[in-house]
Amino acid sequence: MSEQDIVMEDRSAAQSVPPSVIEVEDLVTHYGEREILKGVTMEVREGEIMVIMGGSGSGKSTLLRHLMALEQKTSGTMTILGQNIDDLNMQEFTDLRKKLGVAFQGGALFSSLTVGENVMLPLYEHTGLDRKTMEIMARMKMEVVELGGFEDLMPAELSGGMIKRAAFARAVVMDPRILFCDEPSAGLDPAVASALDELILNLRDAMGMSIVVVTHELDSAFKIADRITILDRGHILMIGTVDEVKSSTNERIYNLLNRVPDGENLDPDEYLARLTGEESGVGNQPL
């Protein structure tokens, strides 16, 4: 292969990578004196499903809130849909947020509203559409998540899986560019969780959006992810495809994937010192 052929192949490979919709550079976050995120750098590409994983306390929920522009950072930069969030005025920030959808872990439906009214809520808040148009748009999204005909029910009349689907319908009713999902499979039986995974894939394909998912569920992550970001103690251990993550030789990634308890090999004296508060600096750490 000639040098020219190699250059052309490299250019072709670069052009095949979709553009980024989120770019995070050296993100640092503190809660009080405690450092939660320690220089996180990552990107989310257009049209991809990015799954964020990590053990408890790894910082994944904090990272998700940053990606949704809900958290104040200590330092670093973050660009969403080509806009540096530090440079936005209030109106620009509000306009940006309208392009983001969120499906919360518990569904977060208002119990006093019907399912259809819950789905329509973003349209009430952010558009000047007439009610008939909003009802049509809500029904269309409910059909997409296979809840057609349930718009007049109250949230209390829905199963756990149906509540999750209603939350997805509300999250995408304004056709967001990016959809964020916090533990979408939590609390669901395997069959319902698998159906929800299919819904996430179908939403991405049908609406062309980028999707960011935080999950503990390995089966779900491996099924839906284009790439996986693995966090550990505020650092990124790895960003890669499912196959790349599965084949990783990193011990901490291996422990996460095989559910090996963190601290299994902890020195007994160190563990005892931590429990009794005699470990260096323990008494000065925030709870």
Protein backbone atom coordinates (compact mmCIF):
# COMPACT_ATOMS: atom_id res chain seq x y z
CA MET A 1 0.00 0.00 0.00
CA SER A 2 1.39 3.38 -1.01
CA GLU A 3 1.77 6.33 1.36
CA GLN A 4 -1.03 8.12 -0.52
CA ASP A 5 -3.35 5.14 -0.03
CA ILE A 6 -2.61 5.13 3.71
CA VAL A 7 -3.37 8.84 3.99
CA MET A 8 -6.65 8.42 2.10
CA GLU A 9 -7.63 5.47 4.30
CA ASP A 10 -6.93 7.50 7.45
CA ARG A 11 -9.05 10.38 6.13
CA SER A 12 -11.89 8.01 5.28
CA ALA A 13 -11.80 6.52 8.78
CA ALA A 14 -11.87 9.98 10.35
CA GLN A 15 -14.81 11.02 8.20
CA SER A 16 -16.74 7.89 9.21
CA VAL A 17 -16.74 8.90 12.89
CA PRO A 18 -19.95 10.87 13.62
CA PRO A 19 -19.58 14.37 15.05
CA SER A 20 -19.84 14.91 18.80
CA VAL A 21 -23.03 16.22 20.40
CA ILE A 22 -21.40 16.41 23.85
CA GLU A 23 -17.75 17.09 24.60
CA VAL A 24 -16.36 17.05 28.14
CA GLU A 25 -12.77 18.07 28.82
CA ASP A 26 -10.97 17.66 32.17
CA LEU A 27 -14.19 17.93 34.21
CA VAL A 28 -13.64 18.29 37.96
CA THR A 29 -16.46 18.45 40.52
CA HIS A 30 -16.47 18.84 44.30
CA TYR A 31 -19.19 18.38 46.89
CA GLY A 32 -17.81 20.56 49.63
CA GLU A 33 -14.19 19.47 50.01
CA ARG A 34 -14.81 16.04 48.53
CA GLU A 35 -13.70 15.60 44.92
CA ILE A 36 -16.24 13.53 42.99
CA LEU A 37 -15.12 13.78 39.36
CA LYS A 38 -11.37 13.98 38.85
CA GLY A 39 -10.57 15.24 35.40
CA VAL A 40 -13.16 13.41 33.27
CA THR A 41 -12.74 13.70 29.49
CA MET A 42 -15.25 12.06 27.14
CA GLU A 43 -17.58 12.66 24.22
CA VAL A 44 -20.98 11.48 23.05
CA ARG A 45 -21.36 11.12 19.32
CA GLU A 46 -24.32 11.89 17.12
CA GLY A 47 -26.72 8.96 16.84
CA GLU A 48 -24.93 6.71 19.33
CA ILE A 49 -26.07 5.07 22.54
CA MET A 50 -23.47 5.78 25.20
CA VAL A 51 -23.80 3.71 28.37
CA ILE A 52 -22.17 4.92 31.59
CA MET A 53 -21.30 2.26 34.14
CA GLY A 54 -19.42 2.04 37.41
CA GLY A 55 -19.72 0.83 40.97
CA SER A 56 -21.53 2.69 43.72
CA GLY A 57 -19.77 5.97 44.44
CA SER A 58 -17.93 5.99 41.12
CA GLY A 59 -19.43 9.34 40.09
CA LYS A 60 -21.68 8.17 37.27
CA SER A 61 -24.83 9.91 38.58
CA THR A 62 -22.88 13.13 39.06
CA LEU A 63 -21.51 12.84 35.53
CA LEU A 64 -25.02 12.29 34.17
CA ARG A 65 -26.26 15.46 35.88
CA HIS A 66 -23.38 17.38 34.32
CA LEU A 67 -24.21 16.03 30.88
CA MET A 68 -27.79 17.22 31.42
CA ALA A 69 -26.43 20.66 32.42
CA LEU A 70 -27.89 20.36 35.92
CA GLU A 71 -24.69 20.50 37.97
CA GLN A 72 -22.11 23.18 38.75
CA LYS A 73 -18.56 22.08 37.96
CA THR A 74 -15.38 23.09 39.73
CA SER A 75 -13.34 23.29 36.54
CA GLY A 76 -13.11 21.96 33.02
CA THR A 77 -15.20 22.61 29.92
CA MET A 78 -18.35 21.10 28.49
CA THR A 79 -19.91 21.65 25.09
CA ILE A 80 -23.44 20.48 24.28
CA LEU A 81 -24.66 20.57 20.69
CA GLY A 82 -21.76 22.83 19.78
CA GLN A 83 -22.39 25.34 22.57
CA ASN A 84 -20.03 25.90 25.49
CA ILE A 85 -22.42 25.99 28.44
CA ASP A 86 -20.24 28.54 30.25
CA ASP A 87 -20.87 31.06 27.47
CA LEU A 88 -24.66 30.85 27.40
CA ASN A 89 -27.01 33.49 28.72
CA MET A 90 -30.26 32.47 30.41
CA GLN A 91 -32.34 32.43 27.21
CA GLU A 92 -29.71 30.46 25.28
CA PHE A 93 -29.47 27.99 28.14
CA THR A 94 -33.25 27.57 28.20
CA ASP A 95 -33.32 27.01 24.43
CA LEU A 96 -30.58 24.39 24.77
CA ARG A 97 -32.44 22.52 27.50
CA LYS A 98 -35.45 22.18 25.19
CA LYS A 99 -33.29 20.00 22.95
CA LEU A 100 -32.59 17.55 25.80
CA GLY A 101 -34.97 14.87 27.03
CA VAL A 102 -34.78 13.04 30.35
CA ALA A 103 -36.35 9.74 31.41
CA PHE A 104 -35.99 9.64 35.19
CA GLN A 105 -35.29 6.44 37.13
CA GLY A 106 -38.67 6.17 38.83
CA GLY A 107 -40.65 7.63 35.95
CA ALA A 108 -41.42 10.82 37.93
CA LEU A 109 -45.01 10.99 36.69
CA PHE A 110 -47.37 13.41 38.44
CA SER A 111 -49.99 11.31 40.23
CA SER A 112 -52.68 14.00 39.87
CA LEU A 113 -52.41 14.06 36.05
CA THR A 114 -53.51 11.45 33.55
CA VAL A 115 -50.83 9.65 31.59
CA GLY A 116 -51.63 11.75 28.53
CA GLU A 117 -51.38 14.96 30.53
CA ASN A 118 -48.03 13.84 31.92
CA VAL A 119 -46.73 13.26 28.42
CA MET A 120 -48.05 16.64 27.25
CA LEU A 121 -46.48 18.54 30.15
CA PRO A 122 -43.30 19.69 28.29
CA LEU A 123 -45.49 20.99 25.48
CA TYR A 124 -47.55 23.01 27.98
CA GLU A 125 -44.40 24.42 29.54
CA HIS A 126 -42.36 25.22 26.45
CA THR A 127 -44.66 25.74 23.47
CA GLY A 128 -47.65 27.85 22.53
CA LEU A 129 -49.48 25.01 20.80
CA ASP A 130 -53.23 24.58 21.17
CA ARG A 131 -54.45 21.68 23.29
CA LYS A 132 -55.70 19.63 20.33
CA THR A 133 -52.27 19.72 18.70
CA MET A 134 -50.59 18.79 21.98
CA GLU A 135 -52.95 15.86 22.44
CA ILE A 136 -52.14 14.59 18.95
CA MET A 137 -48.40 14.90 19.56
CA ALA A 138 -48.70 13.12 22.91
CA ARG A 139 -50.73 10.27 21.38
CA MET A 140 -48.14 9.89 18.61
CA LYS A 141 -45.34 9.49 21.15
CA MET A 142 -47.43 7.11 23.23
CA GLU A 143 -47.93 4.97 20.14
CA VAL A 144 -44.16 4.95 19.64
CA VAL A 145 -43.64 3.53 23.16
CA GLU A 146 -46.57 1.11 22.72
CA LEU A 147 -48.93 2.87 25.14
CA GLY A 148 -51.55 3.85 22.59
CA GLY A 149 -55.01 4.03 24.18
CA PHE A 150 -53.75 4.47 27.76
CA GLU A 151 -53.70 8.27 27.79
CA ASP A 152 -56.77 8.63 30.04
CA LEU A 153 -55.47 6.33 32.78
CA MET A 154 -53.87 7.63 35.97
CA PRO A 155 -50.26 6.69 36.80
CA ALA A 156 -51.45 4.52 39.71
CA GLU A 157 -53.24 2.29 37.18
CA LEU A 158 -50.03 1.48 35.29
CA SER A 159 -47.53 -1.30 35.84
CA GLY A 160 -43.87 -0.51 36.50
CA GLY A 161 -42.93 -1.15 32.90
CA MET A 162 -45.77 1.02 31.61
CA ILE A 163 -44.69 3.89 33.89
CA LYS A 164 -41.20 3.68 32.39
CA ARG A 165 -42.66 3.78 28.88
CA ALA A 166 -44.80 6.79 29.75
CA ALA A 167 -41.69 8.51 31.06
CA PHE A 168 -39.96 7.84 27.75
CA ALA A 169 -42.94 9.24 25.84
CA ARG A 170 -42.78 12.45 27.87
CA ALA A 171 -38.99 12.65 27.44
CA VAL A 172 -39.22 12.52 23.63
CA VAL A 173 -42.47 14.45 23.06
CA MET A 174 -40.49 17.52 21.92
CA ASP A 175 -38.19 15.49 19.65
CA PRO A 176 -34.96 16.10 21.61
CA ARG A 177 -31.53 15.82 20.03
CA ILE A 178 -30.20 13.99 23.10
CA LEU A 179 -32.07 11.66 25.45
CA PHE A 180 -30.79 10.88 28.96
CA CYS A 181 -31.93 7.75 30.79
CA ASP A 182 -31.21 7.12 34.47
CA GLU A 183 -31.32 3.40 35.35
CA PRO A 184 -34.18 2.60 32.93
CA SER A 185 -34.25 -1.12 33.83
CA ALA A 186 -34.14 -0.66 37.62
CA GLY A 187 -36.83 -2.61 39.44
CA LEU A 188 -38.15 -4.42 36.37
CA ASP A 189 -38.30 -8.15 35.76
CA PRO A 190 -35.98 -9.49 33.02
CA ALA A 191 -38.65 -9.75 30.33
CA VAL A 192 -39.90 -6.20 30.85
CA ALA A 193 -36.33 -4.89 31.07
CA SER A 194 -35.47 -6.57 27.77
CA ALA A 195 -38.52 -4.99 26.13
CA LEU A 196 -37.40 -1.60 27.44
CA ASP A 197 -33.96 -2.16 25.91
CA GLU A 198 -35.67 -2.77 22.56
CA LEU A 199 -37.60 0.47 23.03
CA ILE A 200 -34.37 2.42 23.57
CA LEU A 201 -32.87 0.95 20.41
CA ASN A 202 -36.05 1.68 18.45
CA LEU A 203 -36.19 5.28 19.69
CA ARG A 204 -32.61 5.87 18.58
CA ASP A 205 -33.26 4.37 15.16
CA ALA A 206 -36.64 6.02 14.61
CA MET A 207 -35.77 9.49 15.88
CA GLY A 208 -32.06 9.65 15.11
CA MET A 209 -31.21 10.97 18.56
CA SER A 210 -28.16 10.38 20.72
CA ILE A 211 -28.92 8.51 23.95
CA VAL A 212 -26.97 8.47 27.20
CA VAL A 213 -27.87 5.70 29.64
CA VAL A 214 -26.67 5.15 33.20
CA THR A 215 -27.22 1.56 34.28
CA HIS A 216 -26.01 -1.17 36.61
CA GLU A 217 -27.47 -3.90 34.38
CA LEU A 218 -24.74 -5.63 32.39
CA ASP A 219 -27.11 -7.48 30.06
CA SER A 220 -28.87 -4.24 29.21
CA ALA A 221 -25.61 -2.35 28.68
CA PHE A 222 -24.19 -5.01 26.38
CA LYS A 223 -27.42 -5.12 24.37
CA ILE A 224 -27.94 -1.42 23.70
CA ALA A 225 -24.53 0.24 23.87
CA ASP A 226 -22.53 1.47 20.93
CA ARG A 227 -19.86 2.47 23.43
CA ILE A 228 -19.48 2.16 27.19
CA THR A 229 -17.83 4.60 29.58
CA ILE A 230 -16.62 2.96 32.80
CA LEU A 231 -16.09 5.22 35.79
CA ASP A 232 -14.17 4.29 38.92
CA ARG A 233 -13.69 6.61 41.90
CA GLY A 234 -14.17 9.70 39.78
CA HIS A 235 -11.82 8.61 37.00
CA ILE A 236 -12.60 7.08 33.62
CA LEU A 237 -11.13 3.61 33.44
CA MET A 238 -12.13 2.98 29.86
CA ILE A 239 -14.30 4.10 26.97
CA GLY A 240 -14.88 1.45 24.32
CA THR A 241 -17.23 -0.81 22.42
CA VAL A 242 -18.92 -3.75 24.09
CA ASP A 243 -16.32 -6.15 22.70
CA GLU A 244 -13.47 -3.91 23.83
CA VAL A 245 -14.89 -3.70 27.35
CA LYS A 246 -15.49 -7.44 27.56
CA SER A 247 -11.91 -8.18 26.48
CA SER A 248 -10.31 -5.64 28.84
CA THR A 249 -7.54 -6.97 31.08
CA ASN A 250 -7.97 -4.17 33.63
CA GLU A 251 -8.54 -5.77 37.03
CA ARG A 252 -11.11 -3.25 38.19
CA ILE A 253 -13.11 -3.61 34.97
CA TYR A 254 -12.93 -7.39 35.35
CA ASN A 255 -14.24 -7.07 38.93
CA LEU A 256 -17.11 -4.84 37.79
CA LEU A 257 -18.16 -7.17 34.99
CA ASN A 258 -17.90 -10.25 37.22
CA ARG A 259 -19.50 -8.62 40.23
CA VAL A 260 -16.46 -9.07 42.44
CA PRO A 261 -17.03 -6.93 45.56
CA ASP A 262 -14.85 -3.85 45.74
CA GLY A 263 -12.33 -4.16 48.56
CA GLU A 264 -12.27 -7.96 48.49
CA ASN A 265 -8.49 -7.82 48.70
CA LEU A 266 -8.38 -4.91 51.15
CA ASP A 267 -5.72 -5.18 53.82
CA PRO A 268 -7.47 -6.16 57.13
CA ASP A 269 -5.51 -3.61 59.18
CA GLU A 270 -6.42 -0.83 56.74
CA TYR A 271 -10.08 -1.87 56.83
CA LEU A 272 -10.14 -1.92 60.66
CA ALA A 273 -8.48 1.50 60.81
CA ARG A 274 -11.12 2.89 58.48
CA LEU A 275 -13.96 1.46 60.56
CA THR A 276 -12.56 2.86 63.82
CA GLY A 277 -11.81 6.27 62.29
CA GLU A 278 -8.09 5.95 62.95
CA GLU A 279 -7.14 6.04 59.27
CA SER A 280 -5.10 9.12 58.40
CA GLY A 281 -7.36 12.08 57.69
CA VAL A 282 -10.62 10.16 58.18
CA GLY A 283 -11.90 12.47 60.88
CA ASN A 284 -11.58 15.46 58.58
CA GLN A 285 -13.49 13.98 55.64
CA PRO A 286 -17.07 15.10 54.98
CA LEU A 287 -19.72 12.43 55.32
